[in-house]
Amino acid sequence: MAQWLLNPPVAFGVLLLVVFLIYLWTRGLAFRPSHEAPGKKKLYACGEDLPIRRVQPDYSQFFPFAFFFTIMHVVALVLTTIPSGDVAAHGAGFVYVLGAIVALLILFRN
């Protein structure tokens, strides 16, 4: 096999071409209804009819918890990748945990 095919841009282009050819070959198999369904463009939420108005969700409660989980996952990742025999790395990990604690205190201050 030619080595140039393993080059990522070339491989991407070849696969893109293959997928496009499969799309062209199989697009006639897609189901197309003969008429538009009567409620297709109506708003729907879990079986309830919604009034026609724009719903704006409130993310004020979401973002602190998203940042909390991001900080905790990064701390867990950093702590689990510290080499076990290196004392300096353990000190750096301790400083990192202190920084994470400060970040969480800032995040959840009232």
PDB file of N, CA and C in Angstrom:
ATOM      1  N   MET A   1       0.850  -1.174   0.000  1.00  0.00           N
ATOM      2  CA  MET A   1       0.000   0.000   0.000  1.00  0.00           C
ATOM      3  C   MET A   1       0.894   1.235   0.000  1.00  0.00           C
ATOM      4  N   ALA A   2       0.464   2.238  -0.666  1.00  0.00           N
ATOM      5  CA  ALA A   2       1.257   3.464  -0.755  1.00  0.00           C
ATOM      6  C   ALA A   2       1.277   4.173   0.592  1.00  0.00           C
ATOM      7  N   GLN A   3       2.449   4.660   0.956  1.00  0.00           N
ATOM      8  CA  GLN A   3       2.634   5.324   2.245  1.00  0.00           C
ATOM      9  C   GLN A   3       1.891   6.667   2.300  1.00  0.00           C
ATOM     10  N   TRP A   4       1.694   7.319   1.177  1.00  0.00           N
ATOM     11  CA  TRP A   4       1.047   8.624   1.161  1.00  0.00           C
ATOM     12  C   TRP A   4      -0.422   8.541   1.569  1.00  0.00           C
ATOM     13  N   LEU A   5      -1.040   7.342   1.447  1.00  0.00           N
ATOM     14  CA  LEU A   5      -2.439   7.193   1.873  1.00  0.00           C
ATOM     15  C   LEU A   5      -2.595   7.290   3.386  1.00  0.00           C
ATOM     16  N   LEU A   6      -1.499   7.069   4.120  1.00  0.00           N
ATOM     17  CA  LEU A   6      -1.567   7.140   5.576  1.00  0.00           C
ATOM     18  C   LEU A   6      -1.419   8.561   6.096  1.00  0.00           C
ATOM     19  N   ASN A   7      -1.168   9.496   5.234  1.00  0.00           N
ATOM     20  CA  ASN A   7      -1.106  10.891   5.617  1.00  0.00           C
ATOM     21  C   ASN A   7      -2.515  11.326   6.048  1.00  0.00           C
ATOM     22  N   PRO A   8      -2.691  11.922   7.251  1.00  0.00           N
ATOM     23  CA  PRO A   8      -4.042  12.230   7.745  1.00  0.00           C
ATOM     24  C   PRO A   8      -4.910  13.062   6.805  1.00  0.00           C
ATOM     25  N   PRO A   9      -4.423  14.128   6.180  1.00  0.00           N
ATOM     26  CA  PRO A   9      -5.310  14.863   5.272  1.00  0.00           C
ATOM     27  C   PRO A   9      -5.759  14.023   4.070  1.00  0.00           C
ATOM     28  N   VAL A  10      -4.862  13.187   3.552  1.00  0.00           N
ATOM     29  CA  VAL A  10      -5.224  12.339   2.412  1.00  0.00           C
ATOM     30  C   VAL A  10      -6.249  11.291   2.841  1.00  0.00           C
ATOM     31  N   ALA A  11      -5.996  10.666   3.995  1.00  0.00           N
ATOM     32  CA  ALA A  11      -6.933   9.654   4.492  1.00  0.00           C
ATOM     33  C   ALA A  11      -8.302  10.272   4.761  1.00  0.00           C
ATOM     34  N   PHE A  12      -8.319  11.495   5.321  1.00  0.00           N
ATOM     35  CA  PHE A  12      -9.588  12.183   5.551  1.00  0.00           C
ATOM     36  C   PHE A  12     -10.316  12.438   4.237  1.00  0.00           C
ATOM     37  N   GLY A  13      -9.600  12.908   3.241  1.00  0.00           N
ATOM     38  CA  GLY A  13     -10.218  13.170   1.945  1.00  0.00           C
ATOM     39  C   GLY A  13     -10.763  11.916   1.289  1.00  0.00           C
ATOM     40  N   VAL A  14     -10.014  10.811   1.389  1.00  0.00           N
ATOM     41  CA  VAL A  14     -10.471   9.541   0.805  1.00  0.00           C
ATOM     42  C   VAL A  14     -11.729   9.068   1.521  1.00  0.00           C
ATOM     43  N   LEU A  15     -11.726   9.121   2.858  1.00  0.00           N
ATOM     44  CA  LEU A  15     -12.913   8.681   3.598  1.00  0.00           C
ATOM     45  C   LEU A  15     -14.105   9.596   3.349  1.00  0.00           C
ATOM     46  N   LEU A  16     -13.856  10.899   3.232  1.00  0.00           N
ATOM     47  CA  LEU A  16     -14.942  11.823   2.916  1.00  0.00           C
ATOM     48  C   LEU A  16     -15.549  11.496   1.558  1.00  0.00           C
ATOM     49  N   LEU A  17     -14.720  11.172   0.587  1.00  0.00           N
ATOM     50  CA  LEU A  17     -15.200  10.795  -0.733  1.00  0.00           C
ATOM     51  C   LEU A  17     -16.001   9.492  -0.673  1.00  0.00           C
ATOM     52  N   VAL A  18     -15.523   8.524   0.087  1.00  0.00           N
ATOM     53  CA  VAL A  18     -16.235   7.249   0.220  1.00  0.00           C
ATOM     54  C   VAL A  18     -17.605   7.462   0.863  1.00  0.00           C
ATOM     55  N   VAL A  19     -17.662   8.260   1.918  1.00  0.00           N
ATOM     56  CA  VAL A  19     -18.946   8.520   2.580  1.00  0.00           C
ATOM     57  C   VAL A  19     -19.893   9.255   1.649  1.00  0.00           C
ATOM     58  N   PHE A  20     -19.375  10.210   0.884  1.00  0.00           N
ATOM     59  CA  PHE A  20     -20.228  10.935  -0.053  1.00  0.00           C
ATOM     60  C   PHE A  20     -20.770  10.014  -1.140  1.00  0.00           C
ATOM     61  N   LEU A  21     -19.947   9.108  -1.634  1.00  0.00           N
ATOM     62  CA  LEU A  21     -20.415   8.162  -2.648  1.00  0.00           C
ATOM     63  C   LEU A  21     -21.470   7.218  -2.072  1.00  0.00           C
ATOM     64  N   ILE A  22     -21.299   6.785  -0.821  1.00  0.00           N
ATOM     65  CA  ILE A  22     -22.327   5.942  -0.182  1.00  0.00           C
ATOM     66  C   ILE A  22     -23.622   6.723  -0.024  1.00  0.00           C
ATOM     67  N   TYR A  23     -23.511   8.008   0.334  1.00  0.00           N
ATOM     68  CA  TYR A  23     -24.699   8.857   0.444  1.00  0.00           C
ATOM     69  C   TYR A  23     -25.420   8.955  -0.896  1.00  0.00           C
ATOM     70  N   LEU A  24     -24.681   9.218  -1.955  1.00  0.00           N
ATOM     71  CA  LEU A  24     -25.312   9.321  -3.273  1.00  0.00           C
ATOM     72  C   LEU A  24     -25.961   8.010  -3.693  1.00  0.00           C
ATOM     73  N   TRP A  25     -25.339   6.905  -3.356  1.00  0.00           N
ATOM     74  CA  TRP A  25     -25.835   5.594  -3.752  1.00  0.00           C
ATOM     75  C   TRP A  25     -27.088   5.198  -2.980  1.00  0.00           C
ATOM     76  N   THR A  26     -27.214   5.640  -1.705  1.00  0.00           N
ATOM     77  CA  THR A  26     -28.323   5.175  -0.861  1.00  0.00           C
ATOM     78  C   THR A  26     -29.386   6.227  -0.586  1.00  0.00           C
ATOM     79  N   ARG A  27     -29.270   7.439  -1.107  1.00  0.00           N
ATOM     80  CA  ARG A  27     -30.253   8.462  -0.767  1.00  0.00           C
ATOM     81  C   ARG A  27     -31.639   8.156  -1.303  1.00  0.00           C
ATOM     82  N   GLY A  28     -31.744   7.345  -2.309  1.00  0.00           N
ATOM     83  CA  GLY A  28     -33.054   6.967  -2.822  1.00  0.00           C
ATOM     84  C   GLY A  28     -33.809   6.016  -1.910  1.00  0.00           C
ATOM     85  N   LEU A  29     -33.127   5.436  -0.920  1.00  0.00           N
ATOM     86  CA  LEU A  29     -33.775   4.517   0.011  1.00  0.00           C
ATOM     87  C   LEU A  29     -34.480   5.223   1.160  1.00  0.00           C
ATOM     88  N   ALA A  30     -34.261   6.503   1.318  1.00  0.00           N
ATOM     89  CA  ALA A  30     -34.830   7.246   2.441  1.00  0.00           C
ATOM     90  C   ALA A  30     -36.346   7.337   2.290  1.00  0.00           C
ATOM     91  N   PHE A  31     -37.050   7.244   3.425  1.00  0.00           N
ATOM     92  CA  PHE A  31     -38.503   7.338   3.431  1.00  0.00           C
ATOM     93  C   PHE A  31     -38.928   8.786   3.265  1.00  0.00           C
ATOM     94  N   ARG A  32     -39.826   9.030   2.346  1.00  0.00           N
ATOM     95  CA  ARG A  32     -40.394  10.360   2.150  1.00  0.00           C
ATOM     96  C   ARG A  32     -41.915  10.237   2.202  1.00  0.00           C
ATOM     97  N   PRO A  33     -42.532  10.897   3.179  1.00  0.00           N
ATOM     98  CA  PRO A  33     -44.002  10.807   3.260  1.00  0.00           C
ATOM     99  C   PRO A  33     -44.655  11.522   2.079  1.00  0.00           C
ATOM    100  N   SER A  34     -45.826  11.044   1.713  1.00  0.00           N
ATOM    101  CA  SER A  34     -46.521  11.636   0.575  1.00  0.00           C
ATOM    102  C   SER A  34     -47.175  12.966   0.930  1.00  0.00           C
ATOM    103  N   HIS A  35     -47.400  13.209   2.209  1.00  0.00           N
ATOM    104  CA  HIS A  35     -48.001  14.479   2.627  1.00  0.00           C
ATOM    105  C   HIS A  35     -47.393  14.898   3.968  1.00  0.00           C
ATOM    106  N   GLU A  36     -47.552  16.143   4.307  1.00  0.00           N
ATOM    107  CA  GLU A  36     -47.040  16.701   5.563  1.00  0.00           C
ATOM    108  C   GLU A  36     -47.947  16.269   6.711  1.00  0.00           C
ATOM    109  N   ALA A  37     -47.362  15.807   7.811  1.00  0.00           N
ATOM    110  CA  ALA A  37     -48.138  15.416   8.988  1.00  0.00           C
ATOM    111  C   ALA A  37     -48.805  16.652   9.587  1.00  0.00           C
ATOM    112  N   PRO A  38     -50.045  16.519  10.118  1.00  0.00           N
ATOM    113  CA  PRO A  38     -50.778  17.705  10.569  1.00  0.00           C
ATOM    114  C   PRO A  38     -50.132  18.441  11.746  1.00  0.00           C
ATOM    115  N   GLY A  39     -49.431  17.798  12.634  1.00  0.00           N
ATOM    116  CA  GLY A  39     -48.869  18.506  13.782  1.00  0.00           C
ATOM    117  C   GLY A  39     -47.363  18.592  13.753  1.00  0.00           C
ATOM    118  N   LYS A  40     -46.791  18.457  12.582  1.00  0.00           N
ATOM    119  CA  LYS A  40     -45.338  18.356  12.486  1.00  0.00           C
ATOM    120  C   LYS A  40     -44.613  19.604  12.979  1.00  0.00           C
ATOM    121  N   LYS A  41     -45.133  20.762  12.730  1.00  0.00           N
ATOM    122  CA  LYS A  41     -44.434  21.994  13.087  1.00  0.00           C
ATOM    123  C   LYS A  41     -44.988  22.650  14.341  1.00  0.00           C
ATOM    124  N   LYS A  42     -45.852  21.942  15.088  1.00  0.00           N
ATOM    125  CA  LYS A  42     -46.379  22.469  16.341  1.00  0.00           C
ATOM    126  C   LYS A  42     -45.382  22.238  17.458  1.00  0.00           C
ATOM    127  N   LEU A  43     -45.368  23.145  18.447  1.00  0.00           N
ATOM    128  CA  LEU A  43     -44.523  22.957  19.618  1.00  0.00           C
ATOM    129  C   LEU A  43     -45.026  21.777  20.430  1.00  0.00           C
ATOM    130  N   TYR A  44     -44.112  21.030  21.011  1.00  0.00           N
ATOM    131  CA  TYR A  44     -44.481  19.848  21.783  1.00  0.00           C
ATOM    132  C   TYR A  44     -43.503  19.688  22.932  1.00  0.00           C
ATOM    133  N   ALA A  45     -44.012  19.443  24.127  1.00  0.00           N
ATOM    134  CA  ALA A  45     -43.142  19.219  25.277  1.00  0.00           C
ATOM    135  C   ALA A  45     -43.780  18.164  26.162  1.00  0.00           C
ATOM    136  N   CYS A  46     -43.346  16.944  26.041  1.00  0.00           N
ATOM    137  CA  CYS A  46     -43.753  15.838  26.914  1.00  0.00           C
ATOM    138  C   CYS A  46     -45.270  15.661  26.968  1.00  0.00           C
ATOM    139  N   GLY A  47     -45.911  15.777  25.855  1.00  0.00           N
ATOM    140  CA  GLY A  47     -47.347  15.549  25.806  1.00  0.00           C
ATOM    141  C   GLY A  47     -48.184  16.762  26.124  1.00  0.00           C
ATOM    142  N   GLU A  48     -47.561  17.890  26.430  1.00  0.00           N
ATOM    143  CA  GLU A  48     -48.312  19.091  26.759  1.00  0.00           C
ATOM    144  C   GLU A  48     -48.237  20.072  25.602  1.00  0.00           C
ATOM    145  N   ASP A  49     -49.351  20.705  25.321  1.00  0.00           N
ATOM    146  CA  ASP A  49     -49.342  21.763  24.318  1.00  0.00           C
ATOM    147  C   ASP A  49     -48.763  23.016  24.946  1.00  0.00           C
ATOM    148  N   LEU A  50     -47.804  23.609  24.274  1.00  0.00           N
ATOM    149  CA  LEU A  50     -47.183  24.832  24.772  1.00  0.00           C
ATOM    150  C   LEU A  50     -47.804  26.040  24.110  1.00  0.00           C
ATOM    151  N   PRO A  51     -47.954  27.115  24.875  1.00  0.00           N
ATOM    152  CA  PRO A  51     -48.372  28.358  24.206  1.00  0.00           C
ATOM    153  C   PRO A  51     -47.230  28.832  23.319  1.00  0.00           C
ATOM    154  N   ILE A  52     -47.583  29.596  22.326  1.00  0.00           N
ATOM    155  CA  ILE A  52     -46.554  30.058  21.403  1.00  0.00           C
ATOM    156  C   ILE A  52     -45.839  31.244  22.044  1.00  0.00           C
ATOM    157  N   ARG A  53     -44.745  30.938  22.716  1.00  0.00           N
ATOM    158  CA  ARG A  53     -43.879  31.955  23.306  1.00  0.00           C
ATOM    159  C   ARG A  53     -42.497  31.344  23.428  1.00  0.00           C
ATOM    160  N   ARG A  54     -41.531  32.191  23.493  1.00  0.00           N
ATOM    161  CA  ARG A  54     -40.154  31.720  23.570  1.00  0.00           C
ATOM    162  C   ARG A  54     -39.810  31.396  25.023  1.00  0.00           C
ATOM    163  N   VAL A  55     -39.293  30.202  25.255  1.00  0.00           N
ATOM    164  CA  VAL A  55     -38.916  29.785  26.595  1.00  0.00           C
ATOM    165  C   VAL A  55     -37.437  30.089  26.791  1.00  0.00           C
ATOM    166  N   GLN A  56     -37.115  30.829  27.822  1.00  0.00           N
ATOM    167  CA  GLN A  56     -35.729  31.162  28.141  1.00  0.00           C
ATOM    168  C   GLN A  56     -35.335  30.437  29.423  1.00  0.00           C
ATOM    169  N   PRO A  57     -34.569  29.351  29.330  1.00  0.00           N
ATOM    170  CA  PRO A  57     -34.166  28.644  30.550  1.00  0.00           C
ATOM    171  C   PRO A  57     -33.199  29.477  31.381  1.00  0.00           C
ATOM    172  N   ASP A  58     -33.225  29.273  32.685  1.00  0.00           N
ATOM    173  CA  ASP A  58     -32.362  30.001  33.603  1.00  0.00           C
ATOM    174  C   ASP A  58     -31.163  29.121  33.941  1.00  0.00           C
ATOM    175  N   TYR A  59     -29.973  29.565  33.542  1.00  0.00           N
ATOM    176  CA  TYR A  59     -28.764  28.789  33.769  1.00  0.00           C
ATOM    177  C   TYR A  59     -27.987  29.252  34.994  1.00  0.00           C
ATOM    178  N   SER A  60     -28.568  30.121  35.801  1.00  0.00           N
ATOM    179  CA  SER A  60     -27.840  30.644  36.951  1.00  0.00           C
ATOM    180  C   SER A  60     -27.497  29.546  37.951  1.00  0.00           C
ATOM    181  N   GLN A  61     -28.290  28.510  38.040  1.00  0.00           N
ATOM    182  CA  GLN A  61     -27.994  27.400  38.948  1.00  0.00           C
ATOM    183  C   GLN A  61     -27.077  26.367  38.288  1.00  0.00           C
ATOM    184  N   PHE A  62     -27.053  26.328  36.978  1.00  0.00           N
ATOM    185  CA  PHE A  62     -26.296  25.299  36.273  1.00  0.00           C
ATOM    186  C   PHE A  62     -24.799  25.571  36.254  1.00  0.00           C
ATOM    187  N   PHE A  63     -24.403  26.808  35.963  1.00  0.00           N
ATOM    188  CA  PHE A  63     -22.998  27.107  35.749  1.00  0.00           C
ATOM    189  C   PHE A  63     -22.115  26.885  36.973  1.00  0.00           C
ATOM    190  N   PRO A  64     -22.541  27.250  38.188  1.00  0.00           N
ATOM    191  CA  PRO A  64     -21.674  26.929  39.334  1.00  0.00           C
ATOM    192  C   PRO A  64     -21.411  25.434  39.480  1.00  0.00           C
ATOM    193  N   PHE A  65     -22.409  24.612  39.266  1.00  0.00           N
ATOM    194  CA  PHE A  65     -22.194  23.175  39.377  1.00  0.00           C
ATOM    195  C   PHE A  65     -21.356  22.631  38.226  1.00  0.00           C
ATOM    196  N   ALA A  66     -21.516  23.206  37.034  1.00  0.00           N
ATOM    197  CA  ALA A  66     -20.683  22.780  35.909  1.00  0.00           C
ATOM    198  C   ALA A  66     -19.222  23.118  36.176  1.00  0.00           C
ATOM    199  N   PHE A  67     -18.958  24.315  36.690  1.00  0.00           N
ATOM    200  CA  PHE A  67     -17.581  24.685  37.024  1.00  0.00           C
ATOM    201  C   PHE A  67     -17.045  23.829  38.167  1.00  0.00           C
ATOM    202  N   PHE A  68     -17.900  23.508  39.139  1.00  0.00           N
ATOM    203  CA  PHE A  68     -17.488  22.647  40.254  1.00  0.00           C
ATOM    204  C   PHE A  68     -17.019  21.288  39.737  1.00  0.00           C
ATOM    205  N   PHE A  69     -17.813  20.660  38.911  1.00  0.00           N
ATOM    206  CA  PHE A  69     -17.437  19.340  38.393  1.00  0.00           C
ATOM    207  C   PHE A  69     -16.209  19.423  37.492  1.00  0.00           C
ATOM    208  N   THR A  70     -16.073  20.521  36.730  1.00  0.00           N
ATOM    209  CA  THR A  70     -14.877  20.679  35.899  1.00  0.00           C
ATOM    210  C   THR A  70     -13.635  20.794  36.763  1.00  0.00           C
ATOM    211  N   ILE A  71     -13.695  21.623  37.795  1.00  0.00           N
ATOM    212  CA  ILE A  71     -12.546  21.778  38.695  1.00  0.00           C
ATOM    213  C   ILE A  71     -12.210  20.459  39.366  1.00  0.00           C
ATOM    214  N   MET A  72     -13.197  19.748  39.855  1.00  0.00           N
ATOM    215  CA  MET A  72     -12.944  18.488  40.564  1.00  0.00           C
ATOM    216  C   MET A  72     -12.385  17.413  39.626  1.00  0.00           C
ATOM    217  N   HIS A  73     -12.862  17.361  38.418  1.00  0.00           N
ATOM    218  CA  HIS A  73     -12.337  16.360  37.482  1.00  0.00           C
ATOM    219  C   HIS A  73     -10.901  16.676  37.084  1.00  0.00           C
ATOM    220  N   VAL A  74     -10.585  17.936  36.900  1.00  0.00           N
ATOM    221  CA  VAL A  74      -9.207  18.299  36.562  1.00  0.00           C
ATOM    222  C   VAL A  74      -8.286  18.015  37.740  1.00  0.00           C
ATOM    223  N   VAL A  75      -8.731  18.300  38.956  1.00  0.00           N
ATOM    224  CA  VAL A  75      -7.921  17.987  40.145  1.00  0.00           C
ATOM    225  C   VAL A  75      -7.695  16.480  40.232  1.00  0.00           C
ATOM    226  N   ALA A  76      -8.731  15.699  40.023  1.00  0.00           N
ATOM    227  CA  ALA A  76      -8.579  14.240  40.067  1.00  0.00           C
ATOM    228  C   ALA A  76      -7.609  13.760  38.989  1.00  0.00           C
ATOM    229  N   LEU A  77      -7.681  14.326  37.812  1.00  0.00           N
ATOM    230  CA  LEU A  77      -6.773  13.941  36.727  1.00  0.00           C
ATOM    231  C   LEU A  77      -5.331  14.279  37.070  1.00  0.00           C
ATOM    232  N   VAL A  78      -5.114  15.472  37.587  1.00  0.00           N
ATOM    233  CA  VAL A  78      -3.751  15.886  37.933  1.00  0.00           C
ATOM    234  C   VAL A  78      -3.201  15.029  39.067  1.00  0.00           C
ATOM    235  N   LEU A  79      -4.004  14.786  40.096  1.00  0.00           N
ATOM    236  CA  LEU A  79      -3.516  14.014  41.241  1.00  0.00           C
ATOM    237  C   LEU A  79      -3.231  12.561  40.888  1.00  0.00           C
ATOM    238  N   THR A  80      -3.994  11.994  39.986  1.00  0.00           N
ATOM    239  CA  THR A  80      -3.760  10.590  39.636  1.00  0.00           C
ATOM    240  C   THR A  80      -2.594  10.411  38.685  1.00  0.00           C
ATOM    241  N   THR A  81      -2.115  11.491  38.090  1.00  0.00           N
ATOM    242  CA  THR A  81      -0.970  11.365  37.182  1.00  0.00           C
ATOM    243  C   THR A  81       0.350  11.788  37.826  1.00  0.00           C
ATOM    244  N   ILE A  82       0.341  12.075  39.124  1.00  0.00           N
ATOM    245  CA  ILE A  82       1.583  12.415  39.826  1.00  0.00           C
ATOM    246  C   ILE A  82       2.377  11.135  40.046  1.00  0.00           C
ATOM    247  N   PRO A  83       3.669  11.142  39.720  1.00  0.00           N
ATOM    248  CA  PRO A  83       4.488   9.945  39.958  1.00  0.00           C
ATOM    249  C   PRO A  83       4.565   9.640  41.455  1.00  0.00           C
ATOM    250  N   SER A  84       4.573   8.366  41.803  1.00  0.00           N
ATOM    251  CA  SER A  84       4.477   7.987  43.219  1.00  0.00           C
ATOM    252  C   SER A  84       5.769   8.214  43.992  1.00  0.00           C
ATOM    253  N   GLY A  85       6.938   8.205  43.372  1.00  0.00           N
ATOM    254  CA  GLY A  85       8.180   8.321  44.119  1.00  0.00           C
ATOM    255  C   GLY A  85       8.753   9.715  44.190  1.00  0.00           C
ATOM    256  N   ASP A  86       8.153  10.687  43.546  1.00  0.00           N
ATOM    257  CA  ASP A  86       8.726  12.024  43.454  1.00  0.00           C
ATOM    258  C   ASP A  86       8.130  12.925  44.534  1.00  0.00           C
ATOM    259  N   VAL A  87       8.972  13.348  45.503  1.00  0.00           N
ATOM    260  CA  VAL A  87       8.504  14.175  46.613  1.00  0.00           C
ATOM    261  C   VAL A  87       8.135  15.573  46.130  1.00  0.00           C
ATOM    262  N   ALA A  88       8.904  16.125  45.207  1.00  0.00           N
ATOM    263  CA  ALA A  88       8.606  17.462  44.678  1.00  0.00           C
ATOM    264  C   ALA A  88       7.264  17.471  43.953  1.00  0.00           C
ATOM    265  N   ALA A  89       6.954  16.392  43.255  1.00  0.00           N
ATOM    266  CA  ALA A  89       5.668  16.315  42.552  1.00  0.00           C
ATOM    267  C   ALA A  89       4.518  16.248  43.551  1.00  0.00           C
ATOM    268  N   HIS A  90       4.726  15.582  44.690  1.00  0.00           N
ATOM    269  CA  HIS A  90       3.681  15.541  45.715  1.00  0.00           C
ATOM    270  C   HIS A  90       3.448  16.930  46.303  1.00  0.00           C
ATOM    271  N   GLY A  91       4.524  17.695  46.463  1.00  0.00           N
ATOM    272  CA  GLY A  91       4.373  19.072  46.941  1.00  0.00           C
ATOM    273  C   GLY A  91       3.618  19.926  45.936  1.00  0.00           C
ATOM    274  N   ALA A  92       3.923  19.750  44.656  1.00  0.00           N
ATOM    275  CA  ALA A  92       3.213  20.492  43.611  1.00  0.00           C
ATOM    276  C   ALA A  92       1.735  20.085  43.585  1.00  0.00           C
ATOM    277  N   GLY A  93       1.461  18.804  43.803  1.00  0.00           N
ATOM    278  CA  GLY A  93       0.069  18.345  43.858  1.00  0.00           C
ATOM    279  C   GLY A  93      -0.674  18.947  45.033  1.00  0.00           C
ATOM    280  N   PHE A  94       0.021  19.084  46.184  1.00  0.00           N
ATOM    281  CA  PHE A  94      -0.591  19.702  47.358  1.00  0.00           C
ATOM    282  C   PHE A  94      -0.927  21.162  47.078  1.00  0.00           C
ATOM    283  N   VAL A  95      -0.003  21.879  46.436  1.00  0.00           N
ATOM    284  CA  VAL A  95      -0.254  23.279  46.070  1.00  0.00           C
ATOM    285  C   VAL A  95      -1.417  23.364  45.076  1.00  0.00           C
ATOM    286  N   TYR A  96      -1.493  22.414  44.166  1.00  0.00           N
ATOM    287  CA  TYR A  96      -2.585  22.395  43.186  1.00  0.00           C
ATOM    288  C   TYR A  96      -3.933  22.195  43.886  1.00  0.00           C
ATOM    289  N   VAL A  97      -3.963  21.295  44.875  1.00  0.00           N
ATOM    290  CA  VAL A  97      -5.206  21.067  45.621  1.00  0.00           C
ATOM    291  C   VAL A  97      -5.588  22.316  46.402  1.00  0.00           C
ATOM    292  N   LEU A  98      -4.625  22.995  46.990  1.00  0.00           N
ATOM    293  CA  LEU A  98      -4.931  24.248  47.694  1.00  0.00           C
ATOM    294  C   LEU A  98      -5.503  25.289  46.735  1.00  0.00           C
ATOM    295  N   GLY A  99      -4.944  25.367  45.533  1.00  0.00           N
ATOM    296  CA  GLY A  99      -5.482  26.288  44.534  1.00  0.00           C
ATOM    297  C   GLY A  99      -6.906  25.925  44.135  1.00  0.00           C
ATOM    298  N   ALA A 100      -7.187  24.630  44.044  1.00  0.00           N
ATOM    299  CA  ALA A 100      -8.539  24.193  43.711  1.00  0.00           C
ATOM    300  C   ALA A 100      -9.512  24.526  44.835  1.00  0.00           C
ATOM    301  N   ILE A 101      -9.063  24.391  46.073  1.00  0.00           N
ATOM    302  CA  ILE A 101      -9.921  24.737  47.210  1.00  0.00           C
ATOM    303  C   ILE A 101     -10.242  26.228  47.193  1.00  0.00           C
ATOM    304  N   VAL A 102      -9.247  27.049  46.916  1.00  0.00           N
ATOM    305  CA  VAL A 102      -9.485  28.494  46.811  1.00  0.00           C
ATOM    306  C   VAL A 102     -10.464  28.786  45.673  1.00  0.00           C
ATOM    307  N   ALA A 103     -10.292  28.115  44.549  1.00  0.00           N
ATOM    308  CA  ALA A 103     -11.203  28.325  43.408  1.00  0.00           C
ATOM    309  C   ALA A 103     -12.630  27.933  43.777  1.00  0.00           C
ATOM    310  N   LEU A 104     -12.805  26.843  44.521  1.00  0.00           N
ATOM    311  CA  LEU A 104     -14.146  26.434  44.921  1.00  0.00           C
ATOM    312  C   LEU A 104     -14.736  27.396  45.948  1.00  0.00           C
ATOM    313  N   LEU A 105     -13.916  27.914  46.837  1.00  0.00           N
ATOM    314  CA  LEU A 105     -14.421  28.902  47.794  1.00  0.00           C
ATOM    315  C   LEU A 105     -14.876  30.172  47.083  1.00  0.00           C
ATOM    316  N   ILE A 106     -14.132  30.574  46.071  1.00  0.00           N
ATOM    317  CA  ILE A 106     -14.528  31.748  45.288  1.00  0.00           C
ATOM    318  C   ILE A 106     -15.815  31.448  44.500  1.00  0.00           C
ATOM    319  N   LEU A 107     -15.906  30.248  43.976  1.00  0.00           N
ATOM    320  CA  LEU A 107     -17.070  29.882  43.159  1.00  0.00           C
ATOM    321  C   LEU A 107     -18.352  29.874  43.980  1.00  0.00           C
ATOM    322  N   PHE A 108     -18.287  29.380  45.216  1.00  0.00           N
ATOM    323  CA  PHE A 108     -19.514  29.223  46.016  1.00  0.00           C
ATOM    324  C   PHE A 108     -19.617  30.232  47.139  1.00  0.00           C
ATOM    325  N   ARG A 109     -18.953  31.373  47.029  1.00  0.00           N
ATOM    326  CA  ARG A 109     -19.094  32.387  48.068  1.00  0.00           C
ATOM    327  C   ARG A 109     -20.471  33.039  47.970  1.00  0.00           C
ATOM    328  N   ASN A 110     -20.985  33.451  49.095  1.00  0.00           N
ATOM    329  CA  ASN A 110     -22.315  34.080  49.098  1.00  0.00           C
ATOM    330  C   ASN A 110     -22.170  35.538  49.430  1.00  0.00           C
TER     331      ASN A 110
END
